Amino acid sequence: MSKSASAGAQRDAAKQESEIGLGELENHLGYFLRRLQHWVFRDANAALAAVDLDVILYSILETIAANPGTTQIAVAGALGIERARMVALLDGLQDAGLIVRARSEQDRRAHALGLTPRGRIILKKANALVAAHEKRVARRLGVDNYRRALAALSQFETG
């Protein structure tokens, strides 16, 4: 098959896919949230790759920055990360020189978390990358829809 015939077949397949009905999915918020989440995470991860982070690692750094001295258990709970996975993620951040762990003065069994100077620099760069990403999301949704979605979804509480 020639390149132009192959490209034509791909366009036809894409057209058929875009014309496929979704049935009851058209009425399911979860379906559209999942589509949005997939695009948002892919775009954010691509942006954060410039500082060797992904959405999860960025979220951990930002949460630590907002709560200096917090524990890994508190961060894991706030972000919905399993404790066992959290330990591995924090090990990676510590090995990269982005965070420090110290015994908590309130609970010697727990570790208090903080950013290193390098961690603060990387987080500042990451915040600029994420701000540009959020502008892309707002353009994609429309600024008013973006603001409404942010306001509505920020009210949702798990549990």
N, C-alpha and C. Protein backbone atom coordinates (compact mmCIF):
# COMPACT_ATOMS: atom_id res chain seq x y z
N MET A 1 0.86 -1.18 0.00
CA MET A 1 0.00 0.00 0.00
C MET A 1 0.90 1.23 0.00
N SER A 2 0.58 2.21 -0.83
CA SER A 2 1.39 3.43 -0.90
C SER A 2 1.15 4.28 0.35
N LYS A 3 2.09 5.24 0.53
CA LYS A 3 1.95 6.13 1.69
C LYS A 3 0.66 6.93 1.65
N SER A 4 0.29 7.41 0.47
CA SER A 4 -0.94 8.22 0.38
C SER A 4 -2.18 7.37 0.61
N ALA A 5 -2.16 6.11 0.14
CA ALA A 5 -3.29 5.22 0.39
C ALA A 5 -3.39 4.89 1.87
N SER A 6 -2.24 4.68 2.51
CA SER A 6 -2.21 4.39 3.95
C SER A 6 -2.73 5.59 4.75
N ALA A 7 -2.29 6.78 4.37
CA ALA A 7 -2.75 8.00 5.06
C ALA A 7 -4.24 8.17 4.88
N GLY A 8 -4.74 7.87 3.66
CA GLY A 8 -6.18 7.97 3.41
C GLY A 8 -6.96 6.99 4.26
N ALA A 9 -6.45 5.77 4.41
CA ALA A 9 -7.11 4.76 5.23
C ALA A 9 -7.14 5.20 6.70
N GLN A 10 -6.06 5.82 7.16
CA GLN A 10 -6.01 6.30 8.54
C GLN A 10 -7.02 7.42 8.75
N ARG A 11 -7.13 8.32 7.78
CA ARG A 11 -8.13 9.40 7.89
C ARG A 11 -9.54 8.84 7.93
N ASP A 12 -9.81 7.84 7.08
CA ASP A 12 -11.13 7.22 7.06
C ASP A 12 -11.45 6.55 8.40
N ALA A 13 -10.45 5.87 8.98
CA ALA A 13 -10.65 5.20 10.27
C ALA A 13 -10.90 6.24 11.35
N ALA A 14 -10.14 7.34 11.33
CA ALA A 14 -10.33 8.40 12.33
C ALA A 14 -11.71 9.03 12.18
N LYS A 15 -12.15 9.22 10.94
CA LYS A 15 -13.48 9.80 10.71
C LYS A 15 -14.56 8.87 11.24
N GLN A 16 -14.43 7.56 10.98
CA GLN A 16 -15.40 6.60 11.49
C GLN A 16 -15.41 6.61 13.01
N GLU A 17 -14.22 6.69 13.63
CA GLU A 17 -14.15 6.73 15.10
C GLU A 17 -14.85 7.95 15.64
N SER A 18 -14.64 9.10 15.01
CA SER A 18 -15.25 10.33 15.52
C SER A 18 -16.76 10.34 15.33
N GLU A 19 -17.26 9.53 14.41
CA GLU A 19 -18.69 9.48 14.15
C GLU A 19 -19.40 8.40 14.95
N ILE A 20 -18.67 7.63 15.71
CA ILE A 20 -19.27 6.54 16.47
C ILE A 20 -20.10 7.11 17.62
N GLY A 21 -21.28 6.55 17.82
CA GLY A 21 -22.15 7.00 18.90
C GLY A 21 -21.65 6.51 20.25
N LEU A 22 -21.95 7.24 21.29
CA LEU A 22 -21.52 6.89 22.63
C LEU A 22 -22.65 6.37 23.51
N GLY A 23 -23.85 6.37 23.00
CA GLY A 23 -24.97 5.86 23.78
C GLY A 23 -25.14 6.63 25.08
N GLU A 24 -25.37 5.89 26.15
CA GLU A 24 -25.58 6.51 27.47
C GLU A 24 -24.35 7.23 28.01
N LEU A 25 -23.18 6.94 27.45
CA LEU A 25 -21.98 7.67 27.89
C LEU A 25 -22.14 9.17 27.72
N GLU A 26 -22.96 9.57 26.74
CA GLU A 26 -23.21 11.01 26.51
C GLU A 26 -23.82 11.67 27.75
N ASN A 27 -24.39 10.89 28.65
CA ASN A 27 -25.04 11.41 29.85
C ASN A 27 -24.26 11.12 31.12
N HIS A 28 -23.01 10.69 30.99
CA HIS A 28 -22.21 10.32 32.16
C HIS A 28 -21.07 11.31 32.37
N LEU A 29 -21.14 12.03 33.45
CA LEU A 29 -20.09 12.98 33.80
C LEU A 29 -18.74 12.28 33.89
N GLY A 30 -18.72 11.09 34.48
CA GLY A 30 -17.47 10.36 34.66
C GLY A 30 -16.75 10.10 33.35
N TYR A 31 -17.50 9.81 32.29
CA TYR A 31 -16.89 9.56 30.99
C TYR A 31 -16.14 10.80 30.51
N PHE A 32 -16.78 11.96 30.61
CA PHE A 32 -16.16 13.20 30.14
C PHE A 32 -15.03 13.65 31.06
N LEU A 33 -15.18 13.41 32.36
CA LEU A 33 -14.09 13.71 33.28
C LEU A 33 -12.85 12.88 32.96
N ARG A 34 -13.07 11.61 32.65
CA ARG A 34 -11.96 10.73 32.32
C ARG A 34 -11.25 11.18 31.04
N ARG A 35 -12.02 11.59 30.03
CA ARG A 35 -11.42 12.11 28.80
C ARG A 35 -10.60 13.36 29.10
N LEU A 36 -11.18 14.25 29.88
CA LEU A 36 -10.48 15.48 30.25
C LEU A 36 -9.22 15.15 31.06
N GLN A 37 -9.36 14.26 32.02
CA GLN A 37 -8.21 13.89 32.86
C GLN A 37 -7.08 13.32 32.01
N HIS A 38 -7.43 12.47 31.07
CA HIS A 38 -6.40 11.88 30.21
C HIS A 38 -5.64 12.97 29.47
N TRP A 39 -6.35 13.92 28.86
CA TRP A 39 -5.70 15.00 28.13
C TRP A 39 -4.88 15.88 29.07
N VAL A 40 -5.48 16.24 30.21
CA VAL A 40 -4.80 17.13 31.16
C VAL A 40 -3.51 16.49 31.67
N PHE A 41 -3.56 15.22 32.07
CA PHE A 41 -2.36 14.57 32.60
C PHE A 41 -1.30 14.42 31.52
N ARG A 42 -1.71 14.07 30.31
CA ARG A 42 -0.74 13.92 29.23
C ARG A 42 -0.04 15.25 28.96
N ASP A 43 -0.81 16.34 28.91
CA ASP A 43 -0.25 17.66 28.66
C ASP A 43 0.64 18.11 29.82
N ALA A 44 0.16 17.92 31.05
CA ALA A 44 0.94 18.34 32.22
C ALA A 44 2.23 17.53 32.34
N ASN A 45 2.15 16.22 32.13
CA ASN A 45 3.35 15.40 32.22
C ASN A 45 4.37 15.77 31.15
N ALA A 46 3.88 16.10 29.95
CA ALA A 46 4.79 16.54 28.89
C ALA A 46 5.49 17.84 29.30
N ALA A 47 4.76 18.76 29.91
CA ALA A 47 5.36 20.02 30.36
C ALA A 47 6.36 19.78 31.48
N LEU A 48 5.98 18.96 32.44
CA LEU A 48 6.83 18.73 33.62
C LEU A 48 8.07 17.89 33.32
N ALA A 49 8.08 17.22 32.18
CA ALA A 49 9.25 16.43 31.80
C ALA A 49 10.49 17.31 31.71
N ALA A 50 10.32 18.59 31.44
CA ALA A 50 11.45 19.52 31.34
C ALA A 50 12.21 19.64 32.66
N VAL A 51 11.55 19.31 33.78
CA VAL A 51 12.22 19.36 35.09
C VAL A 51 12.24 17.98 35.74
N ASP A 52 12.10 16.95 34.92
CA ASP A 52 12.15 15.55 35.38
C ASP A 52 11.12 15.23 36.46
N LEU A 53 9.93 15.78 36.30
CA LEU A 53 8.82 15.49 37.21
C LEU A 53 7.64 14.99 36.40
N ASP A 54 6.66 14.44 37.11
CA ASP A 54 5.36 14.14 36.54
C ASP A 54 4.32 14.74 37.48
N VAL A 55 3.06 14.57 37.15
CA VAL A 55 1.98 15.18 37.94
C VAL A 55 2.03 14.74 39.40
N ILE A 56 2.30 13.48 39.63
CA ILE A 56 2.31 12.96 41.01
C ILE A 56 3.46 13.57 41.80
N LEU A 57 4.66 13.55 41.24
CA LEU A 57 5.82 14.11 41.95
C LEU A 57 5.65 15.61 42.16
N TYR A 58 5.14 16.30 41.16
CA TYR A 58 4.87 17.73 41.30
C TYR A 58 3.87 17.97 42.44
N SER A 59 2.81 17.17 42.48
CA SER A 59 1.79 17.33 43.53
C SER A 59 2.39 17.12 44.92
N ILE A 60 3.28 16.16 45.04
CA ILE A 60 3.94 15.91 46.33
C ILE A 60 4.79 17.12 46.71
N LEU A 61 5.60 17.61 45.79
CA LEU A 61 6.45 18.77 46.09
C LEU A 61 5.62 19.99 46.47
N GLU A 62 4.56 20.24 45.73
CA GLU A 62 3.71 21.40 46.01
C GLU A 62 3.03 21.27 47.37
N THR A 63 2.60 20.08 47.71
CA THR A 63 1.95 19.86 49.01
C THR A 63 2.95 20.05 50.16
N ILE A 64 4.16 19.56 49.97
CA ILE A 64 5.20 19.76 51.00
C ILE A 64 5.51 21.24 51.13
N ALA A 65 5.63 21.95 50.01
CA ALA A 65 5.92 23.39 50.05
C ALA A 65 4.82 24.16 50.78
N ALA A 66 3.58 23.73 50.58
CA ALA A 66 2.45 24.41 51.22
C ALA A 66 2.32 24.05 52.70
N ASN A 67 2.98 22.96 53.12
CA ASN A 67 2.86 22.46 54.49
C ASN A 67 4.22 22.01 55.02
N PRO A 68 5.18 22.92 55.17
CA PRO A 68 6.51 22.51 55.62
C PRO A 68 6.44 21.76 56.95
N GLY A 69 7.20 20.66 57.02
CA GLY A 69 7.22 19.88 58.25
C GLY A 69 6.11 18.85 58.34
N THR A 70 5.24 18.80 57.33
CA THR A 70 4.16 17.82 57.35
C THR A 70 4.75 16.41 57.25
N THR A 71 3.94 15.42 57.54
CA THR A 71 4.42 14.04 57.50
C THR A 71 4.09 13.39 56.16
N GLN A 72 4.82 12.32 55.86
CA GLN A 72 4.54 11.60 54.62
C GLN A 72 3.16 10.96 54.66
N ILE A 73 2.69 10.59 55.83
CA ILE A 73 1.35 10.01 55.95
C ILE A 73 0.29 11.06 55.62
N ALA A 74 0.50 12.29 56.08
CA ALA A 74 -0.46 13.37 55.80
C ALA A 74 -0.49 13.70 54.31
N VAL A 75 0.68 13.75 53.68
CA VAL A 75 0.74 14.05 52.25
C VAL A 75 0.09 12.93 51.44
N ALA A 76 0.40 11.69 51.81
CA ALA A 76 -0.20 10.54 51.12
C ALA A 76 -1.72 10.58 51.23
N GLY A 77 -2.22 10.89 52.42
CA GLY A 77 -3.67 10.97 52.61
C GLY A 77 -4.30 12.10 51.82
N ALA A 78 -3.66 13.25 51.81
CA ALA A 78 -4.20 14.41 51.09
C ALA A 78 -4.25 14.17 49.59
N LEU A 79 -3.27 13.43 49.07
CA LEU A 79 -3.19 13.21 47.62
C LEU A 79 -3.76 11.88 47.18
N GLY A 80 -4.19 11.05 48.14
CA GLY A 80 -4.76 9.75 47.78
C GLY A 80 -3.73 8.76 47.25
N ILE A 81 -2.53 8.82 47.80
CA ILE A 81 -1.46 7.91 47.39
C ILE A 81 -1.29 6.84 48.47
N GLU A 82 -1.23 5.58 48.06
CA GLU A 82 -1.04 4.49 49.01
C GLU A 82 0.29 4.68 49.74
N ARG A 83 0.30 4.35 51.03
CA ARG A 83 1.50 4.57 51.84
C ARG A 83 2.73 3.89 51.28
N ALA A 84 2.59 2.64 50.84
CA ALA A 84 3.75 1.90 50.31
C ALA A 84 4.30 2.59 49.07
N ARG A 85 3.42 3.07 48.20
CA ARG A 85 3.87 3.77 47.00
C ARG A 85 4.51 5.11 47.37
N MET A 86 3.96 5.75 48.39
CA MET A 86 4.46 7.05 48.81
C MET A 86 5.92 6.96 49.24
N VAL A 87 6.26 5.91 49.95
CA VAL A 87 7.64 5.74 50.41
C VAL A 87 8.59 5.71 49.21
N ALA A 88 8.23 4.95 48.18
CA ALA A 88 9.09 4.86 47.00
C ALA A 88 9.19 6.21 46.28
N LEU A 89 8.08 6.92 46.20
CA LEU A 89 8.09 8.23 45.55
C LEU A 89 8.97 9.21 46.33
N LEU A 90 8.84 9.19 47.64
CA LEU A 90 9.67 10.08 48.46
C LEU A 90 11.14 9.70 48.39
N ASP A 91 11.42 8.41 48.33
CA ASP A 91 12.81 7.97 48.16
C ASP A 91 13.40 8.58 46.89
N GLY A 92 12.64 8.54 45.81
CA GLY A 92 13.11 9.10 44.54
C GLY A 92 13.34 10.60 44.63
N LEU A 93 12.42 11.31 45.28
CA LEU A 93 12.58 12.76 45.45
C LEU A 93 13.77 13.09 46.33
N GLN A 94 13.99 12.27 47.36
CA GLN A 94 15.13 12.48 48.24
C GLN A 94 16.44 12.18 47.49
N ASP A 95 16.46 11.09 46.74
CA ASP A 95 17.66 10.74 45.96
C ASP A 95 17.99 11.82 44.93
N ALA A 96 16.97 12.50 44.42
CA ALA A 96 17.17 13.58 43.44
C ALA A 96 17.57 14.89 44.12
N GLY A 97 17.61 14.88 45.46
CA GLY A 97 18.01 16.08 46.20
C GLY A 97 16.94 17.14 46.27
N LEU A 98 15.67 16.74 46.16
CA LEU A 98 14.57 17.71 46.16
C LEU A 98 13.89 17.85 47.51
N ILE A 99 13.95 16.81 48.35
CA ILE A 99 13.31 16.86 49.66
C ILE A 99 14.26 16.33 50.72
N VAL A 100 13.94 16.69 51.96
CA VAL A 100 14.61 16.11 53.13
C VAL A 100 13.55 15.52 54.04
N ARG A 101 13.95 14.45 54.72
CA ARG A 101 13.07 13.83 55.72
C ARG A 101 13.82 13.87 57.04
N ALA A 102 13.12 14.28 58.07
CA ALA A 102 13.70 14.30 59.41
C ALA A 102 12.67 13.75 60.39
N ARG A 103 13.13 13.18 61.45
CA ARG A 103 12.20 12.69 62.48
C ARG A 103 11.35 13.85 62.97
N SER A 104 10.07 13.60 63.04
CA SER A 104 9.14 14.61 63.52
C SER A 104 9.37 14.84 65.01
N GLU A 105 9.35 16.09 65.40
CA GLU A 105 9.51 16.41 66.82
C GLU A 105 8.25 16.07 67.61
N GLN A 106 7.09 16.07 66.93
CA GLN A 106 5.84 15.74 67.60
C GLN A 106 5.64 14.23 67.73
N ASP A 107 6.10 13.48 66.74
CA ASP A 107 5.91 12.02 66.73
C ASP A 107 7.18 11.40 66.16
N ARG A 108 8.02 10.87 67.02
CA ARG A 108 9.33 10.35 66.61
C ARG A 108 9.21 9.18 65.62
N ARG A 109 8.03 8.59 65.49
CA ARG A 109 7.83 7.50 64.53
C ARG A 109 7.59 8.04 63.12
N ALA A 110 7.28 9.30 63.01
CA ALA A 110 6.93 9.91 61.72
C ALA A 110 8.09 10.75 61.19
N HIS A 111 8.07 11.00 59.89
CA HIS A 111 9.07 11.84 59.26
C HIS A 111 8.45 13.16 58.82
N ALA A 112 9.09 14.25 59.21
CA ALA A 112 8.68 15.57 58.74
C ALA A 112 9.37 15.82 57.40
N LEU A 113 8.63 16.41 56.48
CA LEU A 113 9.14 16.62 55.13
C LEU A 113 9.40 18.09 54.86
N GLY A 114 10.42 18.36 54.09
CA GLY A 114 10.74 19.71 53.67
C GLY A 114 11.41 19.69 52.31
N LEU A 115 11.39 20.83 51.65
CA LEU A 115 12.08 20.95 50.37
C LEU A 115 13.51 21.40 50.61
N THR A 116 14.41 20.91 49.79
CA THR A 116 15.78 21.39 49.80
C THR A 116 15.83 22.68 48.97
N PRO A 117 16.93 23.42 49.04
CA PRO A 117 17.05 24.58 48.14
C PRO A 117 16.87 24.19 46.67
N ARG A 118 17.44 23.06 46.28
CA ARG A 118 17.26 22.56 44.90
C ARG A 118 15.79 22.24 44.64
N GLY A 119 15.11 21.66 45.62
CA GLY A 119 13.69 21.35 45.49
C GLY A 119 12.86 22.60 45.28
N ARG A 120 13.20 23.68 46.00
CA ARG A 120 12.47 24.94 45.83
C ARG A 120 12.68 25.52 44.43
N ILE A 121 13.90 25.41 43.92
CA ILE A 121 14.19 25.91 42.57
C ILE A 121 13.42 25.11 41.52
N ILE A 122 13.47 23.79 41.64
CA ILE A 122 12.76 22.93 40.69
C ILE A 122 11.25 23.18 40.77
N LEU A 123 10.73 23.33 41.98
CA LEU A 123 9.30 23.58 42.14
C LEU A 123 8.91 24.92 41.51
N LYS A 124 9.74 25.93 41.66
CA LYS A 124 9.45 27.23 41.04
C LYS A 124 9.37 27.08 39.52
N LYS A 125 10.31 26.35 38.93
CA LYS A 125 10.28 26.10 37.49
C LYS A 125 9.04 25.29 37.11
N ALA A 126 8.74 24.27 37.91
CA ALA A 126 7.57 23.43 37.65
C ALA A 126 6.29 24.24 37.72
N ASN A 127 6.19 25.16 38.68
CA ASN A 127 4.99 26.00 38.79
C ASN A 127 4.80 26.86 37.54
N ALA A 128 5.88 27.34 36.96
CA ALA A 128 5.77 28.12 35.72
C ALA A 128 5.28 27.23 34.58
N LEU A 129 5.80 26.01 34.51
CA LEU A 129 5.37 25.07 33.47
C LEU A 129 3.90 24.69 33.65
N VAL A 130 3.49 24.48 34.88
CA VAL A 130 2.10 24.12 35.16
C VAL A 130 1.17 25.30 34.90
N ALA A 131 1.62 26.51 35.17
CA ALA A 131 0.79 27.69 34.87
C ALA A 131 0.53 27.78 33.36
N ALA A 132 1.55 27.52 32.56
CA ALA A 132 1.36 27.52 31.10
C ALA A 132 0.42 26.39 30.69
N HIS A 133 0.56 25.25 31.33
CA HIS A 133 -0.34 24.12 31.07
C HIS A 133 -1.78 24.50 31.40
N GLU A 134 -2.00 25.13 32.54
CA GLU A 134 -3.36 25.52 32.95
C GLU A 134 -3.97 26.50 31.95
N LYS A 135 -3.14 27.37 31.37
CA LYS A 135 -3.64 28.28 30.33
C LYS A 135 -4.09 27.49 29.10
N ARG A 136 -3.35 26.43 28.77
CA ARG A 136 -3.78 25.59 27.65
C ARG A 136 -5.10 24.90 27.95
N VAL A 137 -5.27 24.44 29.19
CA VAL A 137 -6.53 23.80 29.58
C VAL A 137 -7.67 24.82 29.47
N ALA A 138 -7.44 26.03 29.97
CA ALA A 138 -8.47 27.07 29.93
C ALA A 138 -8.83 27.41 28.48
N ARG A 139 -7.84 27.49 27.61
CA ARG A 139 -8.13 27.76 26.20
C ARG A 139 -8.95 26.63 25.59
N ARG A 140 -8.60 25.41 25.95
CA ARG A 140 -9.28 24.23 25.38
C ARG A 140 -10.75 24.16 25.84
N LEU A 141 -10.98 24.46 27.13
CA LEU A 141 -12.34 24.42 27.67
C LEU A 141 -13.12 25.71 27.43
N GLY A 142 -12.41 26.79 27.26
CA GLY A 142 -13.00 28.12 27.27
C GLY A 142 -12.82 28.67 28.68
N VAL A 143 -12.41 29.91 28.79
CA VAL A 143 -12.05 30.48 30.09
C VAL A 143 -13.20 30.42 31.09
N ASP A 144 -14.40 30.77 30.66
CA ASP A 144 -15.55 30.73 31.58
C ASP A 144 -15.85 29.30 32.03
N ASN A 145 -15.81 28.35 31.11
CA ASN A 145 -16.04 26.95 31.48
C ASN A 145 -14.94 26.45 32.41
N TYR A 146 -13.72 26.87 32.15
CA TYR A 146 -12.59 26.48 33.02
C TYR A 146 -12.83 26.96 34.45
N ARG A 147 -13.19 28.22 34.58
CA ARG A 147 -13.43 28.79 35.92
C ARG A 147 -14.59 28.09 36.62
N ARG A 148 -15.68 27.83 35.88
CA ARG A 148 -16.82 27.13 36.47
C ARG A 148 -16.46 25.70 36.88
N ALA A 149 -15.72 25.02 36.03
CA ALA A 149 -15.31 23.64 36.34
C ALA A 149 -14.41 23.62 37.57
N LEU A 150 -13.47 24.53 37.65
CA LEU A 150 -12.57 24.60 38.80
C LEU A 150 -13.36 24.87 40.08
N ALA A 151 -14.29 25.81 40.01
CA ALA A 151 -15.10 26.13 41.18
C ALA A 151 -15.96 24.93 41.60
N ALA A 152 -16.59 24.29 40.64
CA ALA A 152 -17.48 23.16 40.96
C ALA A 152 -16.69 21.97 41.48
N LEU A 153 -15.63 21.61 40.78
CA LEU A 153 -14.87 20.41 41.17
C LEU A 153 -14.09 20.60 42.46
N SER A 154 -13.71 21.83 42.79
CA SER A 154 -12.99 22.06 44.05
C SER A 154 -13.89 21.86 45.26
N GLN A 155 -15.21 21.83 45.04
CA GLN A 155 -16.16 21.60 46.13
C GLN A 155 -16.35 20.13 46.45
N PHE A 156 -15.92 19.26 45.54
CA PHE A 156 -16.12 17.82 45.72
C PHE A 156 -15.20 17.29 46.81
N GLU A 157 -15.77 16.56 47.74
CA GLU A 157 -15.01 15.95 48.81
C GLU A 157 -15.10 14.44 48.68
N THR A 158 -13.96 13.77 48.78
CA THR A 158 -13.97 12.31 48.73
C THR A 158 -14.35 11.79 50.11
N GLY A 159 -14.70 10.52 50.12
CA GLY A 159 -14.96 9.91 51.42
C GLY A 159 -16.38 9.56 51.68
